Amino acid sequence: MHATLLAAVVLAAAPRIHCVSDISHEFTFYMDGRFFNQYVGEAGGTDVRNWGTLWKLDLANANLLALSSGSGPVAYDPRTVAHVRKFVEGGGAALIMADRSGLPAATKLPIADVAAAFGAGFLAEKAELPLRAEAKLGAQKVEFYGGGTLELKPGWEPLVTDARGKPLLARRGVGKGCVLVGIRGLFGNRPDASDPINAQWVRPLLQEAVKGKAVDAGKPFQGQSAELTKKLGALTVEYHEGTKQFADAIAKEYFIVREHLVKITGVPPSAGTLTNLLMLPTGGGGFSSGDRIGIGAWWGDFPKNRYPMIELIGHEAAHSWVLPYAEPVWNEPIATYLGIQVGKAMGMPEAQKTLEGAIERARRDDPEMRRIDIGAPGAPNAVVWGKTFWIFEQLRAKYGDDAMAKYFQAKRRLLKPGRKGYSLDDCVAVWSAAVGEDLFPWFRSIGVSVERAKADVGA
């Protein structure tokens, strides 16, 4: 049989993968689609995400459960561990990815409770190169970003080992299904999913692992949102059993931040935005989608440290003020600048230090703030951020502490519905109208290429 035709037959005969990527214990953008793109989609599978309490998730039409988390404070409830075990015993496959290397000895690794239920553990002892794959994997090579090793009780089959024979990836049959446990460094980590390392052998390994449970492509295959909610006026706070411990404190900070943002910008958030506040199980930041903002529940070691959370909420919420026309060039910097201004309004000294630090970093590349065009391709990120802050500070010093409010009020007044975009030329035109002075010459004097003739802003 022709080799290409044979490959097509083999692929067609491979089990269909219905993967659940769990992001309820530690949210990462990698598990929010990137893992699927790298290892499941190309193998003919599909996936959904679990944002809610894992033990409440219906796994009836799933056959792969991908788990990956670090040392965050969201524990794996005993009911979750039991739920995962029942899923595996019924024919499902669980892939547990983690790493203990680099963590203090006393640091709790919550996902270790799931691995321990199947007789595996994560060791801090770092793996030594070169790595070796068992012949049955068909691995042409084993790529590795680094990490620790595994501790395995009897019954496990090592699949990848280090130079000393220490296991890094192993498989074990449990009931009708199987468990795969591996060091996180064996899998991709780039936010754009451009590094599907080891995909050549990981994809068929996952297809083999799910053979114990058939799924029905004709039946609904659904993920789960954060299932617990609380209405606070027009705001819906979303969380699950693991992030419940943070919900009230973060919601309280949100309302404080919102009040300050209204004063700083002189306008309310754009219509239809900021209706939902989602607790993200992460210390790594947040996101804004217009109607919903997601806030990392223990960002900056919250609640022990307060300022980082204030700045984060300010940043994510601020995106709802710039809509429906996102800012050019400085859409992210202006959000952080507004978060900093909230911190300053609240009397937090960290806010001014953050502002000054960013400006100082920009001066390393642009000492006089006149050389680098922040709108030019390839402009250093530190300059884009720090020079943006400096620009806003110059405008505030010249046109008053309410300069930002004048800008947002002018933007709401001048930008008509149905625009196709909002350029830096448009933005400077709005700033000019806001302060009553032509600012194009000043922006050009500090190296920012803008032209009034290119602006499309109503009078």
Protein backbone atom coordinates (compact mmCIF):
# COMPACT_ATOMS: atom_id res chain seq x y z
CA MET A 1 0.00 0.00 0.00
CA HIS A 2 1.25 3.49 -0.82
CA ALA A 3 2.88 5.05 2.26
CA THR A 4 0.70 8.18 2.17
CA LEU A 5 -2.47 6.11 1.88
CA LEU A 6 -1.32 3.86 4.72
CA ALA A 7 -0.71 6.88 6.96
CA ALA A 8 -4.20 8.16 6.18
CA VAL A 9 -5.75 4.81 7.09
CA VAL A 10 -3.84 4.68 10.38
CA LEU A 11 -4.89 8.24 11.27
CA ALA A 12 -8.51 7.52 10.42
CA ALA A 13 -8.44 4.43 12.61
CA ALA A 14 -6.95 6.25 15.59
CA PRO A 15 -9.29 6.92 18.51
CA ARG A 16 -10.99 10.30 18.58
CA ILE A 17 -9.64 12.45 21.42
CA HIS A 18 -12.05 14.51 23.51
CA CYS A 19 -9.67 16.43 25.76
CA VAL A 20 -10.55 18.51 28.81
CA SER A 21 -7.84 21.04 29.67
CA ASP A 22 -8.17 21.91 33.34
CA ILE A 23 -7.47 25.54 34.21
CA SER A 24 -9.34 25.58 37.49
CA HIS A 25 -6.31 25.03 39.71
CA GLU A 26 -3.85 27.24 37.89
CA PHE A 27 -4.97 29.33 34.94
CA THR A 28 -2.42 29.66 32.18
CA PHE A 29 -2.93 30.76 28.59
CA TYR A 30 -1.00 27.64 27.60
CA MET A 31 -3.71 25.36 28.94
CA ASP A 32 -6.36 27.70 27.56
CA GLY A 33 -5.93 26.37 24.03
CA ARG A 34 -2.20 26.16 23.39
CA PHE A 35 -1.76 22.62 24.71
CA PHE A 36 -4.62 21.52 22.47
CA ASN A 37 -3.13 23.20 19.41
CA GLN A 38 0.22 21.53 19.95
CA TYR A 39 -0.72 17.96 20.86
CA VAL A 40 -4.41 17.23 20.38
CA GLY A 41 -5.77 19.15 17.41
CA GLU A 42 -3.20 17.81 14.95
CA ALA A 43 -4.00 14.30 16.19
CA GLY A 44 -7.61 14.68 15.08
CA GLY A 45 -9.01 15.63 18.47
CA THR A 46 -11.05 18.37 20.04
CA ASP A 47 -11.04 19.95 23.46
CA VAL A 48 -12.93 22.02 26.01
CA ARG A 49 -11.73 23.86 29.11
CA ASN A 50 -12.71 23.45 32.70
CA TRP A 51 -12.89 26.76 34.56
CA GLY A 52 -15.04 25.45 37.40
CA THR A 53 -14.73 22.99 40.27
CA LEU A 54 -13.25 19.89 38.66
CA TRP A 55 -15.12 17.31 40.68
CA LYS A 56 -18.39 18.80 39.42
CA LEU A 57 -17.43 18.41 35.75
CA ASP A 58 -19.28 15.84 33.62
CA LEU A 59 -16.59 13.68 32.02
CA ALA A 60 -18.97 11.19 30.39
CA ASN A 61 -17.98 12.15 26.84
CA ALA A 62 -14.32 12.94 27.52
CA ASN A 63 -11.43 10.50 27.24
CA LEU A 64 -8.42 12.72 28.01
CA LEU A 65 -8.00 14.96 31.04
CA ALA A 66 -4.95 17.26 30.90
CA LEU A 67 -3.79 18.55 34.29
CA SER A 68 -0.98 21.01 34.85
CA SER A 69 -0.41 23.33 37.78
CA GLY A 70 2.28 24.72 40.02
CA SER A 71 2.53 25.79 43.63
CA GLY A 72 -0.55 28.00 43.88
CA PRO A 73 -2.94 27.92 46.86
CA VAL A 74 -5.86 26.17 45.13
CA ALA A 75 -5.83 22.62 46.49
CA TYR A 76 -7.02 19.51 44.71
CA ASP A 77 -10.03 18.63 46.79
CA PRO A 78 -10.25 14.92 47.78
CA ARG A 79 -13.48 14.83 45.74
CA THR A 80 -11.49 15.98 42.71
CA VAL A 81 -8.88 13.27 43.22
CA ALA A 82 -11.66 10.68 43.48
CA HIS A 83 -13.33 12.10 40.38
CA VAL A 84 -10.12 11.78 38.36
CA ARG A 85 -9.58 8.22 39.56
CA LYS A 86 -13.13 7.20 38.64
CA PHE A 87 -12.65 8.73 35.19
CA VAL A 88 -9.45 6.74 34.63
CA GLU A 89 -10.83 3.48 35.98
CA GLY A 90 -13.70 3.85 33.51
CA GLY A 91 -11.33 3.99 30.56
CA GLY A 92 -10.20 7.61 30.44
CA ALA A 93 -6.63 8.85 30.27
CA ALA A 94 -5.18 11.48 32.60
CA LEU A 95 -2.04 13.41 31.68
CA ILE A 96 -0.45 15.02 34.76
CA MET A 97 2.25 17.61 33.98
CA ALA A 98 4.19 19.37 36.72
CA ASP A 99 7.67 20.12 38.08
CA ARG A 100 9.07 20.59 41.57
CA SER A 101 12.59 21.67 40.61
CA GLY A 102 13.48 25.17 41.68
CA LEU A 103 10.86 25.31 44.43
CA PRO A 104 11.77 25.62 48.12
CA ALA A 105 11.65 22.26 49.86
CA ALA A 106 8.69 23.29 52.02
CA THR A 107 6.59 24.50 49.07
CA LYS A 108 3.35 22.63 48.57
CA LEU A 109 2.68 21.34 45.06
CA PRO A 110 -1.09 20.71 45.11
CA ILE A 111 -1.16 18.60 41.95
CA ALA A 112 1.14 16.15 43.74
CA ASP A 113 -1.97 14.90 45.57
CA VAL A 114 -3.40 13.67 42.26
CA ALA A 115 -0.15 12.02 41.21
CA ALA A 116 0.24 10.43 44.64
CA ALA A 117 -3.17 8.80 44.33
CA PHE A 118 -1.68 6.77 41.47
CA GLY A 119 1.70 6.14 43.10
CA ALA A 120 3.81 8.88 41.53
CA GLY A 121 5.58 11.97 42.83
CA PHE A 122 7.62 14.93 41.60
CA LEU A 123 11.20 15.32 42.81
CA ALA A 124 13.25 18.52 42.96
CA GLU A 125 16.35 16.64 41.77
CA LYS A 126 17.10 17.99 38.30
CA ALA A 127 17.31 15.69 35.31
CA GLU A 128 20.67 15.17 33.64
CA LEU A 129 21.10 15.14 29.87
CA PRO A 130 20.99 13.34 27.57
CA LEU A 131 17.46 12.01 27.84
CA ARG A 132 16.50 8.60 26.54
CA ALA A 133 13.13 7.47 25.21
CA GLU A 134 11.93 3.87 25.21
CA ALA A 135 11.94 2.39 21.70
CA LYS A 136 8.16 1.87 21.75
CA LEU A 137 7.67 5.67 21.70
CA GLY A 138 9.24 5.89 18.26
CA ALA A 139 10.89 9.12 19.33
CA GLN A 140 13.38 10.52 16.85
CA LYS A 141 14.62 12.79 19.63
CA VAL A 142 13.55 14.07 23.04
CA GLU A 143 13.49 17.82 23.54
CA PHE A 144 13.50 19.24 27.06
CA TYR A 145 13.25 22.69 28.62
CA GLY A 146 14.67 21.37 31.87
CA GLY A 147 13.16 20.33 35.16
CA GLY A 148 13.12 17.69 37.82
CA THR A 149 12.47 13.98 37.88
CA LEU A 150 9.77 11.55 38.99
CA GLU A 151 9.45 9.19 41.92
CA LEU A 152 7.48 6.07 40.96
CA LYS A 153 6.07 3.22 42.99
CA PRO A 154 5.89 -0.28 41.44
CA GLY A 155 3.50 -0.63 38.53
CA TRP A 156 4.71 2.31 36.45
CA GLU A 157 6.32 1.96 33.03
CA PRO A 158 9.04 4.61 32.46
CA LEU A 159 8.91 6.07 28.94
CA VAL A 160 11.56 8.81 29.15
CA THR A 161 14.56 8.72 31.48
CA ASP A 162 17.59 10.92 32.08
CA ALA A 163 21.28 10.06 31.81
CA ARG A 164 21.15 8.27 35.20
CA GLY A 165 17.98 6.35 34.42
CA LYS A 166 15.76 8.67 36.48
CA PRO A 167 12.22 8.78 35.02
CA LEU A 168 10.74 11.96 33.51
CA LEU A 169 7.68 10.46 31.83
CA ALA A 170 5.85 7.30 32.76
CA ARG A 171 2.63 5.42 32.08
CA ARG A 172 0.46 3.22 34.25
CA GLY A 173 -2.70 1.29 33.55
CA VAL A 174 -5.50 1.88 36.05
CA GLY A 175 -8.73 -0.05 35.60
CA LYS A 176 -9.77 0.30 31.96
CA GLY A 177 -7.76 3.50 31.47
CA CYS A 178 -4.30 4.86 32.07
CA VAL A 179 -2.36 7.68 33.69
CA LEU A 180 0.56 9.53 32.15
CA VAL A 181 2.74 11.60 34.48
CA GLY A 182 5.47 13.80 33.10
CA ILE A 183 7.83 16.67 33.89
CA ARG A 184 6.42 19.91 32.49
CA GLY A 185 9.61 20.68 30.56
CA LEU A 186 8.85 17.91 28.07
CA PHE A 187 5.98 19.98 26.65
CA GLY A 188 5.69 23.37 24.96
CA ASN A 189 5.53 26.64 26.87
CA ARG A 190 5.35 29.54 24.41
CA PRO A 191 2.16 31.63 24.58
CA ASP A 192 1.78 31.50 20.78
CA ALA A 193 2.05 27.67 20.74
CA SER A 194 4.98 27.88 18.30
CA ASP A 195 7.01 25.21 20.10
CA PRO A 196 5.21 21.84 19.92
CA ILE A 197 8.28 20.04 21.21
CA ASN A 198 8.12 16.24 21.12
CA ALA A 199 4.83 16.36 19.20
CA GLN A 200 6.13 13.65 16.84
CA TRP A 201 5.75 11.10 19.63
CA VAL A 202 3.43 12.82 22.15
CA ARG A 203 0.49 12.89 19.72
CA PRO A 204 0.48 9.14 19.04
CA LEU A 205 1.13 8.49 22.74
CA LEU A 206 -2.08 10.36 23.62
CA GLN A 207 -4.01 8.54 20.90
CA GLU A 208 -2.83 5.25 22.36
CA ALA A 209 -3.69 6.36 25.89
CA VAL A 210 -7.37 7.10 25.13
CA LYS A 211 -8.11 3.72 23.55
CA GLY A 212 -9.80 2.56 26.73
CA LYS A 213 -12.78 4.88 26.27
CA ALA A 214 -14.75 5.62 23.13
CA VAL A 215 -16.44 9.01 22.75
CA ASP A 216 -19.41 10.09 20.67
CA ALA A 217 -18.73 13.02 18.36
CA GLY A 218 -22.49 13.43 17.90
CA LYS A 219 -23.16 14.14 21.57
CA PRO A 220 -22.48 17.43 23.35
CA PHE A 221 -18.93 17.77 24.60
CA GLN A 222 -18.85 20.72 26.92
CA GLY A 223 -16.51 22.36 29.34
CA GLN A 224 -17.49 24.12 32.53
CA SER A 225 -17.45 27.75 33.59
CA ALA A 226 -16.79 28.96 37.10
CA GLU A 227 -20.04 27.70 38.56
CA LEU A 228 -20.41 29.92 41.63
CA THR A 229 -21.63 33.50 41.27
CA LYS A 230 -22.58 36.43 43.45
CA LYS A 231 -24.51 39.49 42.33
CA LEU A 232 -23.21 42.78 43.66
CA GLY A 233 -25.46 45.35 42.08
CA ALA A 234 -24.88 45.26 38.32
CA LEU A 235 -21.70 43.20 38.77
CA THR A 236 -21.61 39.40 38.70
CA VAL A 237 -18.65 37.91 40.57
CA GLU A 238 -17.64 34.49 39.20
CA TYR A 239 -15.60 31.90 41.08
CA HIS A 240 -15.46 28.23 42.01
CA GLU A 241 -14.84 26.24 45.17
CA GLY A 242 -11.07 26.79 44.99
CA THR A 243 -11.15 30.56 44.36
CA LYS A 244 -14.03 31.29 46.72
CA GLN A 245 -11.47 32.26 49.37
CA PHE A 246 -10.44 35.33 47.30
CA ALA A 247 -13.76 36.46 45.83
CA ASP A 248 -15.05 38.87 48.48
CA ALA A 249 -11.72 40.63 49.05
CA ILE A 250 -11.07 41.17 45.34
CA ALA A 251 -14.62 42.36 44.70
CA LYS A 252 -14.21 44.90 47.49
CA GLU A 253 -11.02 46.22 45.89
CA TYR A 254 -12.72 46.33 42.49
CA PHE A 255 -15.39 48.76 43.64
CA ILE A 256 -12.77 51.02 45.22
CA VAL A 257 -10.73 51.00 42.02
CA ARG A 258 -13.76 51.62 39.83
CA GLU A 259 -14.74 54.71 41.81
CA HIS A 260 -11.26 56.16 41.41
CA LEU A 261 -11.18 55.38 37.67
CA VAL A 262 -14.42 57.31 37.16
CA LYS A 263 -12.84 60.33 38.85
CA ILE A 264 -9.54 60.03 36.97
CA THR A 265 -11.12 59.60 33.53
CA GLY A 266 -14.11 61.86 34.07
CA VAL A 267 -16.44 59.33 32.44
CA PRO A 268 -18.01 55.97 33.32
CA PRO A 269 -16.82 52.77 31.64
CA SER A 270 -18.08 52.21 28.11
CA ALA A 271 -21.62 50.92 27.81
CA GLY A 272 -22.02 47.15 28.16
CA THR A 273 -18.64 46.60 29.78
CA LEU A 274 -17.57 45.50 33.26
CA THR A 275 -20.55 43.29 33.97
CA ASN A 276 -18.56 40.27 35.19
CA LEU A 277 -15.57 39.84 37.50
CA LEU A 278 -13.93 36.41 37.20
CA MET A 279 -11.53 35.02 39.79
CA LEU A 280 -8.61 33.41 37.94
CA PRO A 281 -6.65 30.77 39.86
CA THR A 282 -3.27 32.33 39.15
CA GLY A 283 -0.73 34.78 40.46
CA GLY A 284 0.19 35.65 36.88
CA GLY A 285 -2.07 38.54 35.90
CA GLY A 286 -5.47 38.82 34.28
CA PHE A 287 -7.39 39.67 31.13
CA SER A 288 -10.17 41.88 29.82
CA SER A 289 -12.77 40.92 27.24
CA GLY A 290 -14.96 43.99 27.53
CA ASP A 291 -17.90 42.71 29.55
CA ARG A 292 -15.70 40.49 31.72
CA ILE A 293 -12.38 41.03 33.44
CA GLY A 294 -10.41 38.16 34.89
CA ILE A 295 -8.20 38.87 37.89
CA GLY A 296 -5.36 36.66 39.11
CA ALA A 297 -6.54 35.73 42.60
CA TRP A 298 -3.15 35.85 44.31
CA TRP A 299 -1.41 38.39 42.07
CA GLY A 300 1.48 40.08 43.86
CA ASP A 301 0.95 37.84 46.92
CA PHE A 302 -2.54 39.19 47.54
CA PRO A 303 -4.03 39.68 50.10
CA LYS A 304 -0.73 40.06 51.99
CA ASN A 305 0.38 42.77 49.55
CA ARG A 306 -2.32 45.13 48.35
CA TYR A 307 -0.81 47.51 45.80
CA PRO A 308 -0.10 45.00 42.98
CA MET A 309 -3.76 43.93 43.09
CA ILE A 310 -4.96 47.54 42.95
CA GLU A 311 -2.78 48.19 39.91
CA LEU A 312 -3.90 44.94 38.22
CA ILE A 313 -7.61 45.62 38.71
CA GLY A 314 -7.04 49.18 37.52
CA HIS A 315 -5.24 47.91 34.41
CA GLU A 316 -7.84 45.32 33.42
CA ALA A 317 -10.80 47.57 34.22
CA ALA A 318 -9.24 50.47 32.32
CA HIS A 319 -9.64 48.56 29.06
CA SER A 320 -13.38 49.09 29.48
CA TRP A 321 -12.82 52.85 29.46
CA VAL A 322 -10.90 52.93 26.17
CA LEU A 323 -13.50 50.86 24.31
CA PRO A 324 -15.04 50.73 21.78
CA TYR A 325 -11.88 52.14 20.17
CA ALA A 326 -8.74 50.68 21.67
CA GLU A 327 -5.82 53.06 22.10
CA PRO A 328 -3.07 52.98 19.47
CA VAL A 329 0.49 51.98 20.44
CA TRP A 330 -0.08 52.49 24.16
CA ASN A 331 -3.27 50.49 24.72
CA GLU A 332 -1.56 48.34 27.37
CA PRO A 333 0.62 51.11 28.85
CA ILE A 334 -2.34 53.49 29.31
CA ALA A 335 -4.18 50.76 31.21
CA THR A 336 -1.26 50.32 33.60
CA TYR A 337 -0.83 54.09 33.86
CA LEU A 338 -4.44 54.38 34.99
CA GLY A 339 -3.89 51.58 37.50
CA ILE A 340 -0.88 53.48 38.83
CA GLN A 341 -2.95 56.65 39.11
CA VAL A 342 -5.50 54.75 41.18
CA GLY A 343 -2.71 53.64 43.52
CA LYS A 344 -1.47 57.22 43.81
CA ALA A 345 -4.99 58.45 44.56
CA MET A 346 -5.16 55.85 47.32
CA GLY A 347 -1.91 57.10 48.85
CA MET A 348 0.15 54.03 47.99
CA PRO A 349 3.88 54.89 47.70
CA GLU A 350 4.50 51.86 45.47
CA ALA A 351 2.53 53.58 42.71
CA GLN A 352 4.95 56.49 42.30
CA LYS A 353 7.92 54.11 42.50
CA THR A 354 6.42 52.00 39.72
CA LEU A 355 5.88 55.08 37.57
CA GLU A 356 9.38 56.45 38.12
CA GLY A 357 10.97 53.04 37.56
CA ALA A 358 9.31 52.63 34.16
CA ILE A 359 10.37 56.12 33.04
CA GLU A 360 13.94 55.51 34.20
CA ARG A 361 14.13 52.28 32.18
CA ALA A 362 12.97 54.16 29.09
CA ARG A 363 15.69 56.79 29.56
CA ARG A 364 18.38 54.12 29.22
CA ASP A 365 17.56 53.96 25.50
CA ASP A 366 16.13 57.45 25.04
CA PRO A 367 17.76 59.72 27.66
CA GLU A 368 16.16 62.97 26.47
CA MET A 369 12.88 61.31 25.42
CA ARG A 370 13.32 62.73 21.91
CA ARG A 371 15.02 60.03 19.87
CA ILE A 372 12.82 56.94 19.72
CA ASP A 373 9.42 56.88 18.03
CA ILE A 374 7.18 54.72 20.22
CA GLY A 375 4.99 54.02 17.20
CA ALA A 376 7.82 52.67 15.05
CA PRO A 377 8.15 48.93 14.43
CA GLY A 378 10.76 47.45 16.74
CA ALA A 379 10.67 50.25 19.31
CA PRO A 380 12.04 48.81 22.59
CA ASN A 381 9.21 47.68 24.84
CA ALA A 382 10.69 49.50 27.84
CA VAL A 383 10.64 52.73 25.84
CA VAL A 384 7.09 52.23 24.59
CA TRP A 385 5.91 51.85 28.19
CA GLY A 386 8.15 54.31 29.99
CA LYS A 387 7.96 57.04 27.37
CA THR A 388 4.18 56.69 27.30
CA PHE A 389 4.10 57.26 31.06
CA TRP A 390 6.42 60.23 30.63
CA ILE A 391 4.18 61.72 27.92
CA PHE A 392 1.12 61.46 30.14
CA GLU A 393 3.03 62.99 33.03
CA GLN A 394 4.14 65.92 30.83
CA LEU A 395 0.57 66.52 29.73
CA ARG A 396 -0.66 66.34 33.32
CA ALA A 397 1.98 68.81 34.49
CA LYS A 398 1.09 71.33 31.78
CA TYR A 399 -2.68 70.95 31.53
CA GLY A 400 -3.63 70.01 35.06
CA ASP A 401 -4.30 66.94 37.13
CA ASP A 402 -7.54 66.46 35.20
CA ALA A 403 -5.76 66.21 31.83
CA MET A 404 -6.63 62.52 31.50
CA ALA A 405 -10.28 63.29 32.25
CA LYS A 406 -10.26 65.97 29.55
CA TYR A 407 -8.88 63.41 27.11
CA PHE A 408 -11.44 60.70 27.82
CA GLN A 409 -14.31 63.18 27.73
CA ALA A 410 -13.10 64.47 24.36
CA LYS A 411 -12.66 60.94 23.03
CA ARG A 412 -16.23 60.03 23.94
CA ARG A 413 -17.51 63.26 22.39
CA LEU A 414 -15.54 63.22 19.15
CA LEU A 415 -15.41 59.59 18.09
CA LYS A 416 -18.58 58.63 16.27
CA PRO A 417 -20.03 55.09 16.05
CA GLY A 418 -18.96 52.97 13.12
CA ARG A 419 -15.29 54.00 12.94
CA LYS A 420 -12.94 51.48 11.37
CA GLY A 421 -10.00 52.30 13.60
CA TYR A 422 -8.23 54.72 15.88
CA SER A 423 -4.69 55.72 14.92
CA LEU A 424 -2.02 57.60 16.82
CA ASP A 425 -2.74 60.56 14.53
CA ASP A 426 -6.39 60.39 15.63
CA CYS A 427 -5.32 60.11 19.25
CA VAL A 428 -3.14 63.22 19.15
CA ALA A 429 -6.00 65.09 17.46
CA VAL A 430 -8.27 64.11 20.36
CA TRP A 431 -5.64 65.18 22.90
CA SER A 432 -5.33 68.51 21.08
CA ALA A 433 -9.06 69.09 21.24
CA ALA A 434 -9.10 68.04 24.89
CA VAL A 435 -6.50 70.59 26.04
CA GLY A 436 -7.30 73.32 23.53
CA GLU A 437 -3.86 73.37 21.89
CA ASP A 438 -2.32 71.82 18.79
CA LEU A 439 -0.11 69.05 20.19
CA PHE A 440 1.17 67.68 16.89
CA PRO A 441 4.35 69.84 16.92
CA TRP A 442 5.16 68.78 20.48
CA PHE A 443 4.70 65.07 19.75
CA ARG A 444 6.95 65.40 16.69
CA SER A 445 9.54 67.22 18.81
CA ILE A 446 9.81 64.19 21.07
CA GLY A 447 10.29 61.82 18.15
CA VAL A 448 6.72 60.60 17.65
CA SER A 449 5.74 60.60 13.97
CA VAL A 450 2.20 61.98 13.73
CA GLU A 451 0.44 64.19 11.20
CA ARG A 452 -2.77 66.14 11.57
CA ALA A 453 -3.60 65.56 7.90
CA LYS A 454 -3.86 61.83 8.61
CA ALA A 455 -6.26 62.25 11.55
CA ASP A 456 -9.92 61.39 11.13
CA VAL A 457 -11.60 62.99 14.12
CA GLY A 458 -14.87 64.93 14.09
CA ALA A 459 -15.09 68.45 15.39
